[in-house]
Amino acid sequence: MDANELRSLSVAQEVDARGTACPGPLLEAKRNIAECPVDGVMEILSSDEGTKIDITRWCGKMKYDYLGDLEDDSFWRIYLRKTH
């Protein structure tokens, strides 16, 4: 997805993990995924650049759709769709 598509997503679950180091943001996403409905979008906010790689790998393992990421003011917005 391009940046405009990502910005226009309706987010069902937000995880704010800014200020935590790896693997904190991934662990927060794993803890909160149950709160996200099937076909819902989760947005993970992280100041740790490595989170993009961690979330991409986790999505592949769990068969979630990795939608992309946006760099914001000193943090990233990472998007995934829960598929099951």
N, C-alpha and C. Protein backbone atom coordinates (compact mmCIF):
# COMPACT_ATOMS: atom_id res chain seq x y z
N MET A 1 0.84 -1.19 0.00
CA MET A 1 0.00 0.00 0.00
C MET A 1 0.88 1.24 0.00
N ASP A 2 0.39 2.28 -0.65
CA ASP A 2 1.15 3.52 -0.63
C ASP A 2 0.81 4.32 0.63
N ALA A 3 1.53 5.40 0.83
CA ALA A 3 1.38 6.19 2.06
C ALA A 3 -0.03 6.73 2.24
N ASN A 4 -0.67 7.17 1.17
CA ASN A 4 -2.03 7.71 1.29
C ASN A 4 -3.02 6.62 1.69
N GLU A 5 -2.85 5.42 1.13
CA GLU A 5 -3.73 4.31 1.49
C GLU A 5 -3.55 3.94 2.96
N LEU A 6 -2.29 3.91 3.42
CA LEU A 6 -2.03 3.59 4.83
C LEU A 6 -2.66 4.63 5.75
N ARG A 7 -2.52 5.89 5.40
CA ARG A 7 -3.07 6.97 6.23
C ARG A 7 -4.60 6.92 6.30
N SER A 8 -5.23 6.37 5.27
CA SER A 8 -6.69 6.34 5.24
C SER A 8 -7.30 5.08 5.85
N LEU A 9 -6.47 4.16 6.33
CA LEU A 9 -6.99 2.93 6.93
C LEU A 9 -7.78 3.22 8.21
N SER A 10 -8.81 2.44 8.41
CA SER A 10 -9.56 2.50 9.67
C SER A 10 -8.89 1.50 10.62
N VAL A 11 -8.32 2.00 11.69
CA VAL A 11 -7.56 1.18 12.63
C VAL A 11 -8.48 0.65 13.72
N ALA A 12 -8.47 -0.66 13.90
CA ALA A 12 -9.30 -1.30 14.92
C ALA A 12 -8.57 -1.39 16.27
N GLN A 13 -7.25 -1.53 16.22
CA GLN A 13 -6.45 -1.69 17.44
C GLN A 13 -5.14 -0.94 17.27
N GLU A 14 -4.83 -0.06 18.22
CA GLU A 14 -3.56 0.66 18.20
C GLU A 14 -2.70 0.20 19.36
N VAL A 15 -1.44 -0.04 19.07
CA VAL A 15 -0.47 -0.42 20.09
C VAL A 15 0.61 0.66 20.10
N ASP A 16 0.71 1.39 21.19
CA ASP A 16 1.72 2.44 21.31
C ASP A 16 2.90 1.88 22.09
N ALA A 17 3.94 1.50 21.35
CA ALA A 17 5.14 0.93 21.98
C ALA A 17 6.34 1.85 21.81
N ARG A 18 6.07 3.13 21.59
CA ARG A 18 7.17 4.09 21.47
C ARG A 18 7.94 4.13 22.79
N GLY A 19 9.25 4.23 22.66
CA GLY A 19 10.10 4.31 23.85
C GLY A 19 10.54 2.95 24.38
N THR A 20 10.06 1.87 23.79
CA THR A 20 10.51 0.54 24.20
C THR A 20 11.44 -0.03 23.14
N ALA A 21 12.44 -0.76 23.58
CA ALA A 21 13.43 -1.34 22.66
C ALA A 21 13.01 -2.75 22.28
N CYS A 22 13.58 -3.23 21.22
CA CYS A 22 13.35 -4.58 20.73
C CYS A 22 13.65 -5.58 21.85
N PRO A 23 12.81 -6.54 22.10
CA PRO A 23 11.62 -6.96 21.36
C PRO A 23 10.32 -6.39 21.92
N GLY A 24 10.37 -5.34 22.71
CA GLY A 24 9.18 -4.79 23.36
C GLY A 24 8.00 -4.51 22.45
N PRO A 25 8.21 -3.80 21.32
CA PRO A 25 7.06 -3.52 20.44
C PRO A 25 6.41 -4.79 19.88
N LEU A 26 7.21 -5.78 19.51
CA LEU A 26 6.64 -7.04 19.02
C LEU A 26 5.85 -7.74 20.12
N LEU A 27 6.38 -7.76 21.32
CA LEU A 27 5.67 -8.40 22.43
C LEU A 27 4.36 -7.68 22.72
N GLU A 28 4.35 -6.36 22.64
CA GLU A 28 3.12 -5.59 22.84
C GLU A 28 2.09 -5.93 21.76
N ALA A 29 2.55 -6.05 20.52
CA ALA A 29 1.64 -6.42 19.43
C ALA A 29 1.06 -7.81 19.67
N LYS A 30 1.89 -8.75 20.09
CA LYS A 30 1.42 -10.11 20.36
C LYS A 30 0.40 -10.12 21.49
N ARG A 31 0.62 -9.31 22.52
CA ARG A 31 -0.31 -9.23 23.65
C ARG A 31 -1.66 -8.63 23.26
N ASN A 32 -1.63 -7.73 22.29
CA ASN A 32 -2.84 -6.99 21.93
C ASN A 32 -3.57 -7.51 20.70
N ILE A 33 -3.02 -8.48 20.00
CA ILE A 33 -3.65 -8.94 18.76
C ILE A 33 -5.03 -9.55 19.03
N ALA A 34 -5.24 -10.12 20.19
CA ALA A 34 -6.55 -10.71 20.51
C ALA A 34 -7.65 -9.66 20.54
N GLU A 35 -7.29 -8.41 20.83
CA GLU A 35 -8.27 -7.32 20.88
C GLU A 35 -8.67 -6.83 19.49
N CYS A 36 -7.92 -7.22 18.49
CA CYS A 36 -8.18 -6.79 17.12
C CYS A 36 -9.11 -7.81 16.46
N PRO A 37 -10.22 -7.37 15.87
CA PRO A 37 -11.13 -8.32 15.23
C PRO A 37 -10.52 -8.90 13.95
N VAL A 38 -11.02 -10.05 13.54
CA VAL A 38 -10.60 -10.64 12.28
C VAL A 38 -10.92 -9.66 11.16
N ASP A 39 -10.00 -9.47 10.26
CA ASP A 39 -10.05 -8.49 9.16
C ASP A 39 -9.85 -7.06 9.65
N GLY A 40 -9.56 -6.87 10.93
CA GLY A 40 -9.27 -5.56 11.46
C GLY A 40 -7.81 -5.19 11.26
N VAL A 41 -7.55 -3.90 11.30
CA VAL A 41 -6.20 -3.38 11.12
C VAL A 41 -5.62 -3.00 12.47
N MET A 42 -4.40 -3.47 12.72
CA MET A 42 -3.65 -3.08 13.92
C MET A 42 -2.56 -2.10 13.48
N GLU A 43 -2.42 -1.03 14.24
CA GLU A 43 -1.36 -0.05 14.01
C GLU A 43 -0.42 -0.11 15.20
N ILE A 44 0.86 -0.35 14.93
CA ILE A 44 1.87 -0.39 15.99
C ILE A 44 2.72 0.86 15.85
N LEU A 45 2.82 1.64 16.92
CA LEU A 45 3.67 2.83 16.95
C LEU A 45 4.96 2.43 17.66
N SER A 46 6.09 2.63 17.00
CA SER A 46 7.36 2.21 17.57
C SER A 46 8.46 3.18 17.21
N SER A 47 9.32 3.47 18.18
CA SER A 47 10.49 4.30 17.93
C SER A 47 11.72 3.44 17.64
N ASP A 48 11.56 2.11 17.65
CA ASP A 48 12.65 1.18 17.36
C ASP A 48 12.53 0.72 15.91
N GLU A 49 13.47 1.13 15.07
CA GLU A 49 13.40 0.83 13.63
C GLU A 49 13.35 -0.67 13.35
N GLY A 50 13.94 -1.48 14.20
CA GLY A 50 13.94 -2.93 14.02
C GLY A 50 12.56 -3.55 14.10
N THR A 51 11.60 -2.83 14.65
CA THR A 51 10.24 -3.34 14.78
C THR A 51 9.64 -3.66 13.42
N LYS A 52 9.98 -2.88 12.40
CA LYS A 52 9.46 -3.14 11.06
C LYS A 52 9.82 -4.55 10.60
N ILE A 53 11.05 -4.95 10.84
CA ILE A 53 11.50 -6.29 10.45
C ILE A 53 10.81 -7.34 11.31
N ASP A 54 10.75 -7.10 12.62
CA ASP A 54 10.11 -8.06 13.53
C ASP A 54 8.65 -8.29 13.18
N ILE A 55 7.91 -7.22 12.92
CA ILE A 55 6.49 -7.35 12.60
C ILE A 55 6.29 -8.03 11.25
N THR A 56 7.13 -7.71 10.27
CA THR A 56 7.04 -8.37 8.97
C THR A 56 7.21 -9.88 9.11
N ARG A 57 8.21 -10.29 9.87
CA ARG A 57 8.46 -11.74 10.07
C ARG A 57 7.32 -12.39 10.83
N TRP A 58 6.82 -11.72 11.86
CA TRP A 58 5.72 -12.25 12.65
C TRP A 58 4.47 -12.42 11.79
N CYS A 59 4.19 -11.43 10.95
CA CYS A 59 3.04 -11.53 10.05
C CYS A 59 3.17 -12.74 9.12
N GLY A 60 4.37 -12.96 8.60
CA GLY A 60 4.59 -14.12 7.74
C GLY A 60 4.35 -15.43 8.48
N LYS A 61 4.85 -15.49 9.69
CA LYS A 61 4.69 -16.71 10.50
C LYS A 61 3.23 -16.96 10.87
N MET A 62 2.51 -15.88 11.21
CA MET A 62 1.13 -16.00 11.67
C MET A 62 0.11 -15.93 10.53
N LYS A 63 0.58 -15.66 9.32
CA LYS A 63 -0.29 -15.52 8.15
C LYS A 63 -1.20 -14.29 8.25
N TYR A 64 -0.70 -13.22 8.89
CA TYR A 64 -1.38 -11.93 8.90
C TYR A 64 -0.88 -11.15 7.69
N ASP A 65 -1.65 -10.18 7.24
CA ASP A 65 -1.23 -9.34 6.12
C ASP A 65 -0.44 -8.15 6.63
N TYR A 66 0.83 -8.07 6.25
CA TYR A 66 1.63 -6.88 6.54
C TYR A 66 1.26 -5.84 5.51
N LEU A 67 0.73 -4.71 5.93
CA LEU A 67 0.22 -3.70 5.01
C LEU A 67 1.25 -2.63 4.67
N GLY A 68 2.22 -2.41 5.55
CA GLY A 68 3.24 -1.41 5.30
C GLY A 68 3.52 -0.57 6.52
N ASP A 69 4.37 0.44 6.33
CA ASP A 69 4.75 1.31 7.44
C ASP A 69 4.98 2.72 6.93
N LEU A 70 4.85 3.65 7.84
CA LEU A 70 5.08 5.07 7.57
C LEU A 70 6.04 5.61 8.62
N GLU A 71 7.00 6.39 8.18
CA GLU A 71 7.87 7.07 9.13
C GLU A 71 7.19 8.37 9.52
N ASP A 72 7.04 8.56 10.82
CA ASP A 72 6.41 9.77 11.34
C ASP A 72 7.50 10.58 12.03
N ASP A 73 7.15 11.49 12.86
CA ASP A 73 8.10 12.35 13.55
C ASP A 73 8.84 11.55 14.63
N SER A 74 9.96 10.94 14.30
CA SER A 74 10.84 10.16 15.18
C SER A 74 10.25 8.80 15.61
N PHE A 75 9.26 8.29 14.88
CA PHE A 75 8.77 6.94 15.13
C PHE A 75 8.11 6.41 13.87
N TRP A 76 7.76 5.13 13.90
CA TRP A 76 7.14 4.48 12.75
C TRP A 76 5.73 4.06 13.10
N ARG A 77 4.87 4.08 12.10
CA ARG A 77 3.52 3.54 12.18
C ARG A 77 3.54 2.29 11.30
N ILE A 78 3.27 1.15 11.89
CA ILE A 78 3.36 -0.13 11.21
C ILE A 78 1.96 -0.74 11.20
N TYR A 79 1.54 -1.20 10.03
CA TYR A 79 0.16 -1.66 9.86
C TYR A 79 0.11 -3.14 9.45
N LEU A 80 -0.83 -3.86 10.06
CA LEU A 80 -1.09 -5.23 9.67
C LEU A 80 -2.59 -5.49 9.72
N ARG A 81 -3.02 -6.49 8.96
CA ARG A 81 -4.43 -6.91 9.00
C ARG A 81 -4.48 -8.31 9.59
N LYS A 82 -5.27 -8.47 10.63
CA LYS A 82 -5.46 -9.78 11.27
C LYS A 82 -6.39 -10.60 10.38
N THR A 83 -5.94 -11.73 9.92
CA THR A 83 -6.69 -12.51 8.93
C THR A 83 -7.45 -13.70 9.51
N HIS A 84 -7.20 -14.01 10.76
CA HIS A 84 -7.89 -15.16 11.37
C HIS A 84 -7.95 -14.98 12.87
